[in-house]
C-alpha atoms as a PDB file:
ATOM      1  CA  UNK A   1      -8.599  22.683 -51.617  1.00  0.00           C
ATOM      2  CA  UNK A   2      -6.119  24.225 -49.155  1.00  0.00           C
ATOM      3  CA  UNK A   3      -8.929  25.041 -46.727  1.00  0.00           C
ATOM      4  CA  UNK A   4     -10.282  21.492 -47.110  1.00  0.00           C
ATOM      5  CA  UNK A   5      -6.912  19.902 -46.288  1.00  0.00           C
ATOM      6  CA  UNK A   6      -6.440  22.382 -43.442  1.00  0.00           C
ATOM      7  CA  UNK A   7      -9.829  21.461 -41.942  1.00  0.00           C
ATOM      8  CA  UNK A   8      -8.950  17.763 -42.072  1.00  0.00           C
ATOM      9  CA  UNK A   9      -5.516  18.389 -40.504  1.00  0.00           C
ATOM     10  CA  UNK A  10      -7.072  20.564 -37.786  1.00  0.00           C
ATOM     11  CA  UNK A  11      -9.706  17.976 -36.861  1.00  0.00           C
ATOM     12  CA  UNK A  12      -7.354  15.000 -36.831  1.00  0.00           C
ATOM     13  CA  UNK A  13      -4.524  16.964 -35.184  1.00  0.00           C
ATOM     14  CA  UNK A  14      -6.570  18.276 -32.248  1.00  0.00           C
ATOM     15  CA  UNK A  15      -8.270  14.913 -31.789  1.00  0.00           C
ATOM     16  CA  UNK A  16      -4.841  13.205 -31.898  1.00  0.00           C
ATOM     17  CA  UNK A  17      -3.591  15.541 -29.161  1.00  0.00           C
ATOM     18  CA  UNK A  18      -6.683  14.975 -26.993  1.00  0.00           C
ATOM     19  CA  UNK A  19      -6.527  11.181 -27.282  1.00  0.00           C
ATOM     20  CA  UNK A  20      -2.825  11.197 -26.443  1.00  0.00           C
ATOM     21  CA  UNK A  21      -3.447  13.361 -23.347  1.00  0.00           C
ATOM     22  CA  UNK A  22      -6.328  11.188 -22.201  1.00  0.00           C
ATOM     23  CA  UNK A  23      -4.385   7.921 -22.459  1.00  0.00           C
ATOM     24  CA  UNK A  24      -1.298   9.468 -20.883  1.00  0.00           C
ATOM     25  CA  UNK A  25      -3.020  10.976 -17.841  1.00  0.00           C
ATOM     26  CA  UNK A  26      -5.143   7.889 -17.165  1.00  0.00           C
ATOM     27  CA  UNK A  27      -2.137   5.533 -17.312  1.00  0.00           C
ATOM     28  CA  UNK A  28       0.136   7.713 -15.159  1.00  0.00           C
ATOM     29  CA  UNK A  29       1.023   5.995 -11.872  1.00  0.00           C
ATOM     30  CA  UNK A  30       1.750   7.429  -8.425  1.00  0.00           C
ATOM     31  CA  UNK A  31       5.340   6.212  -8.708  1.00  0.00           C
ATOM     32  CA  UNK A  32       5.858   8.130 -11.953  1.00  0.00           C
ATOM     33  CA  UNK A  33       4.447  11.297 -10.384  1.00  0.00           C
ATOM     34  CA  UNK A  34       6.800  10.989  -7.401  1.00  0.00           C
ATOM     35  CA  UNK A  35       9.766  10.381  -9.715  1.00  0.00           C
ATOM     36  CA  UNK A  36       8.930  13.520 -11.728  1.00  0.00           C
ATOM     37  CA  UNK A  37       8.527  15.541  -8.511  1.00  0.00           C
ATOM     38  CA  UNK A  38      12.080  14.608  -7.562  1.00  0.00           C
ATOM     39  CA  UNK A  39      13.641  15.382 -10.949  1.00  0.00           C
ATOM     40  CA  UNK A  40      11.450  18.370 -11.921  1.00  0.00           C
ATOM     41  CA  UNK A  41       9.464  19.478  -8.840  1.00  0.00           C
ATOM     42  CA  UNK A  42       7.156  22.090 -10.425  1.00  0.00           C
ATOM     43  CA  UNK A  43       6.143  19.861 -13.309  1.00  0.00           C
ATOM     44  CA  UNK A  44       5.718  16.939 -10.922  1.00  0.00           C
ATOM     45  CA  UNK A  45       3.365  18.953  -8.717  1.00  0.00           C
ATOM     46  CA  UNK A  46       1.345  20.036 -11.751  1.00  0.00           C
ATOM     47  CA  UNK A  47       1.072  16.435 -12.924  1.00  0.00           C
ATOM     48  CA  UNK A  48      -0.044  15.397  -9.439  1.00  0.00           C
ATOM     49  CA  UNK A  49      -2.696  18.126  -9.505  1.00  0.00           C
ATOM     50  CA  UNK A  50      -3.925  16.989 -12.922  1.00  0.00           C
ATOM     51  CA  UNK A  51      -4.103  13.380 -11.745  1.00  0.00           C
ATOM     52  CA  UNK A  52      -5.787  14.137  -8.415  1.00  0.00           C
ATOM     53  CA  UNK A  53      -8.412  16.254 -10.200  1.00  0.00           C
ATOM     54  CA  UNK A  54      -8.878  13.589 -12.847  1.00  0.00           C
ATOM     55  CA  UNK A  55     -12.578  14.398 -13.383  1.00  0.00           C
ATOM     56  CA  UNK A  56     -11.851  18.011 -14.373  1.00  0.00           C
ATOM     57  CA  UNK A  57      -8.817  16.974 -16.406  1.00  0.00           C
ATOM     58  CA  UNK A  58     -10.744  14.408 -18.447  1.00  0.00           C
ATOM     59  CA  UNK A  59     -13.652  16.846 -18.862  1.00  0.00           C
ATOM     60  CA  UNK A  60     -11.221  19.391 -20.307  1.00  0.00           C
ATOM     61  CA  UNK A  61      -9.824  16.889 -22.787  1.00  0.00           C
ATOM     62  CA  UNK A  62     -13.254  15.633 -23.851  1.00  0.00           C
ATOM     63  CA  UNK A  63     -14.624  19.170 -24.183  1.00  0.00           C
ATOM     64  CA  UNK A  64     -11.765  20.215 -26.453  1.00  0.00           C
ATOM     65  CA  UNK A  65     -12.079  17.013 -28.462  1.00  0.00           C
ATOM     66  CA  UNK A  66     -15.832  17.481 -28.904  1.00  0.00           C
ATOM     67  CA  UNK A  67     -15.430  21.100 -30.010  1.00  0.00           C
ATOM     68  CA  UNK A  68     -12.704  20.146 -32.502  1.00  0.00           C
ATOM     69  CA  UNK A  69     -14.650  17.212 -33.937  1.00  0.00           C
ATOM     70  CA  UNK A  70     -17.872  19.217 -34.240  1.00  0.00           C
ATOM     71  CA  UNK A  71     -16.220  22.178 -35.949  1.00  0.00           C
ATOM     72  CA  UNK A  72     -14.017  19.917 -38.049  1.00  0.00           C
ATOM     73  CA  UNK A  73     -16.891  17.767 -39.262  1.00  0.00           C
ATOM     74  CA  UNK A  74     -18.902  20.867 -40.169  1.00  0.00           C
ATOM     75  CA  UNK A  75     -16.010  22.473 -42.066  1.00  0.00           C
ATOM     76  CA  UNK A  76     -14.939  19.300 -43.846  1.00  0.00           C
ATOM     77  CA  UNK A  77     -18.523  18.453 -44.804  1.00  0.00           C
ATOM     78  CA  UNK A  78     -19.223  21.950 -46.140  1.00  0.00           C
ATOM     79  CA  UNK A  79     -15.950  22.195 -48.082  1.00  0.00           C
ATOM     80  CA  UNK A  80     -16.336  18.667 -49.475  1.00  0.00           C
ATOM     81  CA  UNK A  81     -19.768  19.574 -50.836  1.00  0.00           C
ATOM     82  CA  UNK A  82     -18.361  22.683 -52.524  1.00  0.00           C
ATOM     83  CA  UNK A  83     -15.369  20.860 -54.028  1.00  0.00           C
ATOM     84  CA  UNK A  84     -16.804  17.478 -54.993  1.00  0.00           C
ATOM     85  CA  UNK A  85     -20.553  17.878 -54.799  1.00  0.00           C
ATOM     86  CA  UNK A  86     -23.063  16.094 -52.601  1.00  0.00           C
ATOM     87  CA  UNK A  87     -22.491  12.832 -54.462  1.00  0.00           C
ATOM     88  CA  UNK A  88     -19.038  12.420 -52.860  1.00  0.00           C
ATOM     89  CA  UNK A  89     -20.054  13.608 -49.397  1.00  0.00           C
ATOM     90  CA  UNK A  90     -20.717  10.064 -48.170  1.00  0.00           C
ATOM     91  CA  UNK A  91     -17.320   8.856 -49.419  1.00  0.00           C
ATOM     92  CA  UNK A  92     -15.511  11.783 -47.781  1.00  0.00           C
ATOM     93  CA  UNK A  93     -17.394  11.169 -44.512  1.00  0.00           C
ATOM     94  CA  UNK A  94     -16.446   7.483 -44.562  1.00  0.00           C
ATOM     95  CA  UNK A  95     -12.764   8.217 -45.218  1.00  0.00           C
ATOM     96  CA  UNK A  96     -12.796  10.913 -42.535  1.00  0.00           C
ATOM     97  CA  UNK A  97     -14.262   8.480 -39.991  1.00  0.00           C
ATOM     98  CA  UNK A  98     -11.580   5.900 -40.821  1.00  0.00           C
ATOM     99  CA  UNK A  99      -8.818   8.516 -40.564  1.00  0.00           C
ATOM    100  CA  UNK A 100     -10.104   9.722 -37.174  1.00  0.00           C
ATOM    101  CA  UNK A 101     -10.318   6.138 -35.901  1.00  0.00           C
ATOM    102  CA  UNK A 102      -6.720   5.335 -36.891  1.00  0.00           C
ATOM    103  CA  UNK A 103      -4.911   8.650 -36.468  1.00  0.00           C
ATOM    104  CA  UNK A 104      -6.987  10.192 -33.677  1.00  0.00           C
ATOM    105  CA  UNK A 105      -7.785   7.171 -31.529  1.00  0.00           C
ATOM    106  CA  UNK A 106      -5.676   4.036 -31.989  1.00  0.00           C
ATOM    107  CA  UNK A 107      -2.250   5.554 -32.700  1.00  0.00           C
ATOM    108  CA  UNK A 108      -2.251   8.457 -30.182  1.00  0.00           C
ATOM    109  CA  UNK A 109      -3.623   6.355 -27.325  1.00  0.00           C
ATOM    110  CA  UNK A 110      -0.962   3.719 -27.838  1.00  0.00           C
ATOM    111  CA  UNK A 111       1.708   6.430 -27.975  1.00  0.00           C
ATOM    112  CA  UNK A 112       0.299   8.058 -24.827  1.00  0.00           C
ATOM    113  CA  UNK A 113       0.561   4.824 -22.852  1.00  0.00           C
ATOM    114  CA  UNK A 114       3.884   3.617 -24.270  1.00  0.00           C
ATOM    115  CA  UNK A 115       5.761   6.936 -24.008  1.00  0.00           C
ATOM    116  CA  UNK A 116       3.955   8.520 -21.065  1.00  0.00           C
ATOM    117  CA  UNK A 117       7.073   8.845 -18.891  1.00  0.00           C
ATOM    118  CA  UNK A 118       8.947  10.738 -21.629  1.00  0.00           C
ATOM    119  CA  UNK A 119       5.921  12.915 -22.461  1.00  0.00           C
ATOM    120  CA  UNK A 120       4.753  13.736 -18.918  1.00  0.00           C
ATOM    121  CA  UNK A 121       7.114  16.707 -18.351  1.00  0.00           C
ATOM    122  CA  UNK A 122       6.056  18.276 -21.660  1.00  0.00           C
ATOM    123  CA  UNK A 123       2.269  18.047 -21.414  1.00  0.00           C
ATOM    124  CA  UNK A 124       1.678  19.363 -17.897  1.00  0.00           C
ATOM    125  CA  UNK A 125       1.821  23.064 -18.799  1.00  0.00           C
ATOM    126  CA  UNK A 126      -0.382  22.878 -21.940  1.00  0.00           C
ATOM    127  CA  UNK A 127      -2.926  20.662 -20.171  1.00  0.00           C
ATOM    128  CA  UNK A 128      -2.998  22.880 -17.068  1.00  0.00           C
ATOM    129  CA  UNK A 129      -3.541  25.926 -19.307  1.00  0.00           C
ATOM    130  CA  UNK A 130      -6.375  24.212 -21.174  1.00  0.00           C
ATOM    131  CA  UNK A 131      -8.030  23.222 -17.905  1.00  0.00           C
ATOM    132  CA  UNK A 132      -8.046  26.856 -16.771  1.00  0.00           C
ATOM    133  CA  UNK A 133      -9.351  28.150 -20.105  1.00  0.00           C
ATOM    134  CA  UNK A 134     -12.130  25.572 -20.325  1.00  0.00           C
ATOM    135  CA  UNK A 135     -12.991  25.701 -16.613  1.00  0.00           C
ATOM    136  CA  UNK A 136     -16.275  27.652 -17.142  1.00  0.00           C
ATOM    137  CA  UNK A 137     -17.542  25.045 -19.598  1.00  0.00           C
ATOM    138  CA  UNK A 138     -16.382  22.185 -17.338  1.00  0.00           C
ATOM    139  CA  UNK A 139     -18.112  23.797 -14.369  1.00  0.00           C
ATOM    140  CA  UNK A 140     -21.435  23.995 -16.219  1.00  0.00           C
ATOM    141  CA  UNK A 141     -21.088  20.383 -17.406  1.00  0.00           C
ATOM    142  CA  UNK A 142     -20.184  19.104 -13.937  1.00  0.00           C
ATOM    143  CA  UNK A 143     -23.052  21.073 -12.413  1.00  0.00           C
ATOM    144  CA  UNK A 144     -25.523  19.431 -14.750  1.00  0.00           C
ATOM    145  CA  UNK A 145     -24.060  15.992 -14.058  1.00  0.00           C
ATOM    146  CA  UNK A 146     -24.542  16.414 -10.290  1.00  0.00           C
ATOM    147  CA  UNK A 147     -28.305  16.554 -10.795  1.00  0.00           C
ATOM    148  CA  UNK A 148     -28.171  13.076 -12.301  1.00  0.00           C
ATOM    149  CA  UNK A 149     -25.299  11.392 -10.461  1.00  0.00           C
ATOM    150  CA  UNK A 150     -24.562  11.938  -6.797  1.00  0.00           C
ATOM    151  CA  UNK A 151     -21.001  12.925  -6.020  1.00  0.00           C
ATOM    152  CA  UNK A 152     -18.964  10.023  -4.680  1.00  0.00           C
ATOM    153  CA  UNK A 153     -15.840  10.045  -2.582  1.00  0.00           C
ATOM    154  CA  UNK A 154     -12.629   9.427  -4.480  1.00  0.00           C
ATOM    155  CA  UNK A 155     -11.865   5.748  -4.479  1.00  0.00           C
ATOM    156  CA  UNK A 156      -8.403   4.599  -3.557  1.00  0.00           C
ATOM    157  CA  UNK A 157      -6.812   1.321  -4.419  1.00  0.00           C
ATOM    158  CA  UNK A 158      -7.990  -1.329  -1.950  1.00  0.00           C
ATOM    159  CA  UNK A 159      -5.623  -3.688  -0.162  1.00  0.00           C
ATOM    160  CA  UNK A 160      -6.933  -6.512  -2.330  1.00  0.00           C
ATOM    161  CA  UNK A 161      -6.078  -4.614  -5.524  1.00  0.00           C
ATOM    162  CA  UNK A 162      -2.544  -3.942  -4.283  1.00  0.00           C
ATOM    163  CA  UNK A 163      -2.124  -7.624  -3.394  1.00  0.00           C
ATOM    164  CA  UNK A 164      -3.238  -8.609  -6.898  1.00  0.00           C
ATOM    165  CA  UNK A 165      -0.790  -6.099  -8.385  1.00  0.00           C
ATOM    166  CA  UNK A 166       1.993  -7.598  -6.249  1.00  0.00           C
ATOM    167  CA  UNK A 167       1.125 -11.104  -7.472  1.00  0.00           C
ATOM    168  CA  UNK A 168       1.068  -9.859 -11.043  1.00  0.00           C
ATOM    169  CA  UNK A 169       4.424  -8.143 -10.520  1.00  0.00           C
ATOM    170  CA  UNK A 170       5.930 -11.419  -9.316  1.00  0.00           C
ATOM    171  CA  UNK A 171       4.564 -13.282 -12.355  1.00  0.00           C
ATOM    172  CA  UNK A 172       5.857 -10.630 -14.770  1.00  0.00           C
ATOM    173  CA  UNK A 173       9.253 -10.412 -13.085  1.00  0.00           C
ATOM    174  CA  UNK A 174       9.022  -6.774 -11.960  1.00  0.00           C
ATOM    175  CA  UNK A 175       8.962  -8.032  -8.354  1.00  0.00           C
ATOM    176  CA  UNK A 176      10.679 -11.043  -6.839  1.00  0.00           C
ATOM    177  CA  UNK A 177       8.586 -13.706  -5.131  1.00  0.00           C
ATOM    178  CA  UNK A 178       9.891 -12.557  -1.751  1.00  0.00           C
ATOM    179  CA  UNK A 179       8.992  -8.923  -2.475  1.00  0.00           C
ATOM    180  CA  UNK A 180       5.491  -9.942  -3.528  1.00  0.00           C
ATOM    181  CA  UNK A 181       5.044 -12.004  -0.347  1.00  0.00           C
ATOM    182  CA  UNK A 182       6.287  -9.127   1.820  1.00  0.00           C
ATOM    183  CA  UNK A 183       3.731  -6.747   0.298  1.00  0.00           C
ATOM    184  CA  UNK A 184       0.896  -9.269   0.617  1.00  0.00           C
ATOM    185  CA  UNK A 185       1.769 -10.192   4.205  1.00  0.00           C
ATOM    186  CA  UNK A 186       2.240  -6.563   5.269  1.00  0.00           C
ATOM    187  CA  UNK A 187      -1.208  -5.677   3.915  1.00  0.00           C
ATOM    188  CA  UNK A 188      -2.698  -8.632   5.816  1.00  0.00           C
ATOM    189  CA  UNK A 189      -1.596  -7.431   9.262  1.00  0.00           C
ATOM    190  CA  UNK A 190      -5.079  -6.023   9.931  1.00  0.00           C
ATOM    191  CA  UNK A 191      -6.623  -9.417   9.197  1.00  0.00           C
ATOM    192  CA  UNK A 192      -4.400 -11.519  11.494  1.00  0.00           C
ATOM    193  CA  UNK A 193      -5.190 -11.558  15.221  1.00  0.00           C
ATOM    194  CA  UNK A 194      -2.540 -11.483  17.934  1.00  0.00           C
ATOM    195  CA  UNK A 195      -3.968 -14.758  19.255  1.00  0.00           C
ATOM    196  CA  UNK A 196      -2.789 -16.382  16.010  1.00  0.00           C
ATOM    197  CA  UNK A 197       0.880 -15.425  16.423  1.00  0.00           C
ATOM    198  CA  UNK A 198       1.498 -15.105  20.181  1.00  0.00           C
ATOM    199  CA  UNK A 199       3.478 -17.494  22.367  1.00  0.00           C
ATOM    200  CA  UNK A 200       0.833 -19.247  24.518  1.00  0.00           C
ATOM    201  CA  UNK A 201       0.924 -18.831  28.292  1.00  0.00           C
ATOM    202  CA  UNK A 202       1.748 -22.516  28.843  1.00  0.00           C
ATOM    203  CA  UNK A 203       5.192 -22.148  27.258  1.00  0.00           C
ATOM    204  CA  UNK A 204       6.014 -18.615  28.433  1.00  0.00           C
ATOM    205  CA  UNK A 205       9.256 -18.389  30.411  1.00  0.00           C
ATOM    206  CA  UNK A 206       8.820 -15.833  33.197  1.00  0.00           C
ATOM    207  CA  UNK A 207      10.833 -14.854  36.269  1.00  0.00           C
ATOM    208  CA  UNK A 208       9.763 -14.154  39.850  1.00  0.00           C
ATOM    209  CA  UNK A 209      10.609 -10.602  40.874  1.00  0.00           C
ATOM    210  CA  UNK A 210      12.234 -11.896  44.106  1.00  0.00           C
ATOM    211  CA  UNK A 211      14.704 -14.175  42.318  1.00  0.00           C
ATOM    212  CA  UNK A 212      18.358 -13.215  42.763  1.00  0.00           C
ATOM    213  CA  UNK A 213      20.873 -13.371  39.941  1.00  0.00           C
ATOM    214  CA  UNK A 214      22.451 -16.632  41.184  1.00  0.00           C
ATOM    215  CA  UNK A 215      18.989 -18.219  41.289  1.00  0.00           C
ATOM    216  CA  UNK A 216      18.208 -17.032  37.770  1.00  0.00           C
ATOM    217  CA  UNK A 217      21.442 -18.360  36.284  1.00  0.00           C
ATOM    218  CA  UNK A 218      21.143 -21.604  38.197  1.00  0.00           C
ATOM    219  CA  UNK A 219      17.717 -22.216  36.679  1.00  0.00           C
ATOM    220  CA  UNK A 220      18.524 -20.741  33.236  1.00  0.00           C
ATOM    221  CA  UNK A 221      22.319 -20.931  32.660  1.00  0.00           C
ATOM    222  CA  UNK A 222      22.057 -19.579  29.103  1.00  0.00           C
ATOM    223  CA  UNK A 223      19.083 -17.173  29.544  1.00  0.00           C
ATOM    224  CA  UNK A 224      16.985 -18.589  26.665  1.00  0.00           C
ATOM    225  CA  UNK A 225      15.210 -15.360  25.674  1.00  0.00           C
ATOM    226  CA  UNK A 226      16.246 -11.745  25.077  1.00  0.00           C
ATOM    227  CA  UNK A 227      13.251 -10.509  27.131  1.00  0.00           C
ATOM    228  CA  UNK A 228      11.190 -12.268  29.787  1.00  0.00           C
ATOM    229  CA  UNK A 229       8.103 -11.252  31.766  1.00  0.00           C
ATOM    230  CA  UNK A 230       8.463 -10.685  35.501  1.00  0.00           C
ATOM    231  CA  UNK A 231       5.667 -11.716  37.895  1.00  0.00           C
ATOM    232  CA  UNK A 232       4.926 -11.043  41.544  1.00  0.00           C
ATOM    233  CA  UNK A 233       3.176 -14.182  42.827  1.00  0.00           C
ATOM    234  CA  UNK A 234       2.419 -16.199  39.703  1.00  0.00           C
ATOM    235  CA  UNK A 235       2.350 -15.893  35.914  1.00  0.00           C
ATOM    236  CA  UNK A 236      -1.120 -14.310  36.079  1.00  0.00           C
ATOM    237  CA  UNK A 237       0.323 -11.366  38.007  1.00  0.00           C
ATOM    238  CA  UNK A 238       2.887  -9.966  35.556  1.00  0.00           C
ATOM    239  CA  UNK A 239       4.329  -6.633  36.713  1.00  0.00           C
ATOM    240  CA  UNK A 240       7.167  -5.982  34.265  1.00  0.00           C
ATOM    241  CA  UNK A 241       9.823  -7.487  32.027  1.00  0.00           C
ATOM    242  CA  UNK A 242      13.579  -7.936  32.200  1.00  0.00           C
ATOM    243  CA  UNK A 243      16.090  -8.007  29.356  1.00  0.00           C
ATOM    244  CA  UNK A 244      18.852 -10.576  29.043  1.00  0.00           C
ATOM    245  CA  UNK A 245      21.524  -7.874  28.879  1.00  0.00           C
ATOM    246  CA  UNK A 246      20.176  -6.326  32.105  1.00  0.00           C
ATOM    247  CA  UNK A 247      20.772  -9.674  33.820  1.00  0.00           C
ATOM    248  CA  UNK A 248      24.212 -10.226  32.319  1.00  0.00           C
ATOM    249  CA  UNK A 249      25.598  -6.784  33.144  1.00  0.00           C
ATOM    250  CA  UNK A 250      25.273  -6.990  36.988  1.00  0.00           C
ATOM    251  CA  UNK A 251      26.466 -10.597  36.883  1.00  0.00           C
ATOM    252  CA  UNK A 252      29.613  -9.441  35.095  1.00  0.00           C
ATOM    253  CA  UNK A 253      30.024  -6.750  37.761  1.00  0.00           C
ATOM    254  CA  UNK A 254      29.615  -9.339  40.543  1.00  0.00           C
ATOM    255  CA  UNK A 255      26.393  -7.759  41.836  1.00  0.00           C
ATOM    256  CA  UNK A 256      25.148 -11.060  43.220  1.00  0.00           C
ATOM    257  CA  UNK A 257      22.492  -9.540  45.476  1.00  0.00           C
ATOM    258  CA  UNK A 258      20.590  -7.879  42.648  1.00  0.00           C
ATOM    259  CA  UNK A 259      17.055  -9.176  42.206  1.00  0.00           C
ATOM    260  CA  UNK A 260      15.017  -9.486  39.052  1.00  0.00           C
ATOM    261  CA  UNK A 261      12.587  -6.904  40.415  1.00  0.00           C
ATOM    262  CA  UNK A 262      15.331  -4.297  40.712  1.00  0.00           C
ATOM    263  CA  UNK A 263      16.280  -4.788  37.059  1.00  0.00           C
ATOM    264  CA  UNK A 264      12.858  -5.025  35.440  1.00  0.00           C
ATOM    265  CA  UNK A 265      11.257  -2.495  33.103  1.00  0.00           C
ATOM    266  CA  UNK A 266       7.667  -1.512  32.372  1.00  0.00           C
ATOM    267  CA  UNK A 267       5.625  -3.937  30.298  1.00  0.00           C
ATOM    268  CA  UNK A 268       2.512  -3.238  28.220  1.00  0.00           C
ATOM    269  CA  UNK A 269      -0.618  -5.342  27.815  1.00  0.00           C
ATOM    270  CA  UNK A 270      -2.633  -5.910  24.662  1.00  0.00           C
ATOM    271  CA  UNK A 271      -5.889  -7.869  24.014  1.00  0.00           C
ATOM    272  CA  UNK A 272      -5.576 -11.141  22.116  1.00  0.00           C
ATOM    273  CA  UNK A 273      -8.440 -10.289  19.745  1.00  0.00           C
ATOM    274  CA  UNK A 274      -6.853  -7.155  18.215  1.00  0.00           C
ATOM    275  CA  UNK A 275      -4.879  -7.204  14.973  1.00  0.00           C
ATOM    276  CA  UNK A 276      -1.157  -7.713  14.508  1.00  0.00           C
ATOM    277  CA  UNK A 277      -1.114  -4.196  13.067  1.00  0.00           C
ATOM    278  CA  UNK A 278      -2.126  -2.913  16.524  1.00  0.00           C
ATOM    279  CA  UNK A 279       0.771  -4.794  18.119  1.00  0.00           C
ATOM    280  CA  UNK A 280       3.193  -3.270  15.611  1.00  0.00           C
ATOM    281  CA  UNK A 281       1.895   0.223  16.396  1.00  0.00           C
ATOM    282  CA  UNK A 282       2.290  -0.470  20.133  1.00  0.00           C
ATOM    283  CA  UNK A 283       5.903  -1.596  19.721  1.00  0.00           C
ATOM    284  CA  UNK A 284       6.780   1.413  17.584  1.00  0.00           C
ATOM    285  CA  UNK A 285       5.069   3.826  19.967  1.00  0.00           C
ATOM    286  CA  UNK A 286       6.602   2.421  23.173  1.00  0.00           C
ATOM    287  CA  UNK A 287      10.014   1.474  21.715  1.00  0.00           C
ATOM    288  CA  UNK A 288       9.652  -1.988  23.246  1.00  0.00           C
ATOM    289  CA  UNK A 289       9.669  -5.420  21.680  1.00  0.00           C
ATOM    290  CA  UNK A 290       7.587  -7.530  24.053  1.00  0.00           C
ATOM    291  CA  UNK A 291       4.018  -7.204  25.346  1.00  0.00           C
ATOM    292  CA  UNK A 292       1.759  -9.395  27.444  1.00  0.00           C
ATOM    293  CA  UNK A 293      -1.386 -10.670  25.751  1.00  0.00           C
ATOM    294  CA  UNK A 294      -4.584 -10.842  27.796  1.00  0.00           C
ATOM    295  CA  UNK A 295      -7.867 -12.590  27.054  1.00  0.00           C
ATOM    296  CA  UNK A 296     -11.369 -11.121  27.292  1.00  0.00           C
ATOM    297  CA  UNK A 297     -11.362 -11.645  31.077  1.00  0.00           C
ATOM    298  CA  UNK A 298      -8.025  -9.900  31.612  1.00  0.00           C
ATOM    299  CA  UNK A 299      -6.114 -13.100  32.316  1.00  0.00           C
ATOM    300  CA  UNK A 300      -2.691 -13.701  30.800  1.00  0.00           C
ATOM    301  CA  UNK A 301      -3.039 -15.521  27.468  1.00  0.00           C
ATOM    302  CA  UNK A 302       0.596 -15.332  26.357  1.00  0.00           C
ATOM    303  CA  UNK A 303       3.225 -12.947  25.041  1.00  0.00           C
ATOM    304  CA  UNK A 304       3.769 -11.312  21.662  1.00  0.00           C
ATOM    305  CA  UNK A 305       7.043  -9.858  20.417  1.00  0.00           C
ATOM    306  CA  UNK A 306       8.277  -7.697  17.590  1.00  0.00           C
ATOM    307  CA  UNK A 307       9.889 -10.864  16.242  1.00  0.00           C
ATOM    308  CA  UNK A 308       6.432 -12.462  15.967  1.00  0.00           C
ATOM    309  CA  UNK A 309       5.237  -9.457  13.948  1.00  0.00           C
ATOM    310  CA  UNK A 310       8.273  -9.620  11.659  1.00  0.00           C
ATOM    311  CA  UNK A 311       7.712 -13.349  11.133  1.00  0.00           C
ATOM    312  CA  UNK A 312       4.144 -12.567  10.064  1.00  0.00           C
ATOM    313  CA  UNK A 313       5.408 -10.035   7.517  1.00  0.00           C
ATOM    314  CA  UNK A 314       8.207 -12.286   6.252  1.00  0.00           C
ATOM    315  CA  UNK A 315       6.008 -15.366   6.199  1.00  0.00           C
ATOM    316  CA  UNK A 316       8.646 -17.541   7.864  1.00  0.00           C
ATOM    317  CA  UNK A 317      10.081 -18.318  11.290  1.00  0.00           C
ATOM    318  CA  UNK A 318      13.088 -16.394  12.624  1.00  0.00           C
ATOM    319  CA  UNK A 319      15.128 -18.586  14.955  1.00  0.00           C
ATOM    320  CA  UNK A 320      18.614 -19.314  16.229  1.00  0.00           C
ATOM    321  CA  UNK A 321      20.290 -22.678  16.783  1.00  0.00           C
ATOM    322  CA  UNK A 322      19.885 -22.520  20.562  1.00  0.00           C
ATOM    323  CA  UNK A 323      16.209 -21.521  20.528  1.00  0.00           C
ATOM    324  CA  UNK A 324      13.957 -23.646  22.733  1.00  0.00           C
ATOM    325  CA  UNK A 325      11.712 -24.324  19.733  1.00  0.00           C
ATOM    326  CA  UNK A 326      11.251 -22.971  16.231  1.00  0.00           C
ATOM    327  CA  UNK A 327       7.489 -22.554  16.721  1.00  0.00           C
ATOM    328  CA  UNK A 328       6.395 -21.861  20.305  1.00  0.00           C
ATOM    329  CA  UNK A 329       2.738 -22.434  19.428  1.00  0.00           C
ATOM    330  CA  UNK A 330       3.578 -25.907  18.148  1.00  0.00           C
ATOM    331  CA  UNK A 331       5.572 -26.541  21.332  1.00  0.00           C
ATOM    332  CA  UNK A 332       2.540 -25.543  23.415  1.00  0.00           C
ATOM    333  CA  UNK A 333       0.337 -27.961  21.454  1.00  0.00           C
ATOM    334  CA  UNK A 334       2.857 -30.790  21.909  1.00  0.00           C
ATOM    335  CA  UNK A 335       3.104 -30.200  25.651  1.00  0.00           C
ATOM    336  CA  UNK A 336      -0.668 -30.052  25.910  1.00  0.00           C
ATOM    337  CA  UNK A 337      -0.987 -33.344  24.030  1.00  0.00           C
ATOM    338  CA  UNK A 338       1.653 -34.979  26.238  1.00  0.00           C
ATOM    339  CA  UNK A 339      -0.109 -33.766  29.383  1.00  0.00           C
ATOM    340  CA  UNK A 340      -3.442 -35.082  28.133  1.00  0.00           C
ATOM    341  CA  UNK A 341      -1.835 -38.442  27.285  1.00  0.00           C
ATOM    342  CA  UNK A 342      -0.306 -38.641  30.772  1.00  0.00           C
ATOM    343  CA  UNK A 343      -3.691 -38.137  32.461  1.00  0.00           C
ATOM    344  CA  UNK A 344      -5.381 -40.850  30.393  1.00  0.00           C
END
């Protein structure tokens, strides 16, 4: 009887452990791994290794579970026949199946998911050891599988999946609506074209390189923009940009003869059909916040700024009280409509 009870305990116990490990490792998130790496670096790295090699890890768990269930079923069946006779073998098998279902599947898997964060530091060493011990068996199994299923590259979470997770987080309260929108908008930068966010050429304020400071301040007393393109002959011949503070500083020092051309800086050009993500990379790489946008023929189409990129991420306009317009694209459309109406 002792051997019979021991065989049952062994089968259910090992199966319980395997189911718990399986549920725990599959439900572990990247954030939890990073948190463990900060608090307990070695264990965190082991957990990361187990998660990154998920195929081998799951194979280890399933191999151990299969061995335990096979041996357990054989032992329990043989001992049950000796103790109770073949008449009761069916009853014992039925009760054993029910016990395995409840105590080796349902309960441990729920525990593994619910208490994974608390259990993660404690299971990494045993699971890593088991993976090493059972590696020969796993290798043979994986080798046989490759003849049937071609090896595929590891799949990573797509942008769409992350967006859906962000939306779900906002609904469940783990993220605020603003946080969810930021994540969604940031992941959409590759989908939005610069042409969709730029300030059109028709409403771009630019300065002639030959203008003196008095001429600039006479035409623009308040200098409406922090950065403005500088052209040589006309707006289609942009050669640089000038910052508001670079105009104000010589004015404060009474350098009246200074020209815009002497104060301008280098400006970069970017095609209108590339993504907003490309504009962001350009700004970060060049440490500038304004670039000229050109069309497919190389003509000036408008300007794009870091502020335009940030507005795309935030999903709202950034403006000050003295701005010429809240939406420069809308202003361009209005001026175009007015011009068309005038010519009618």
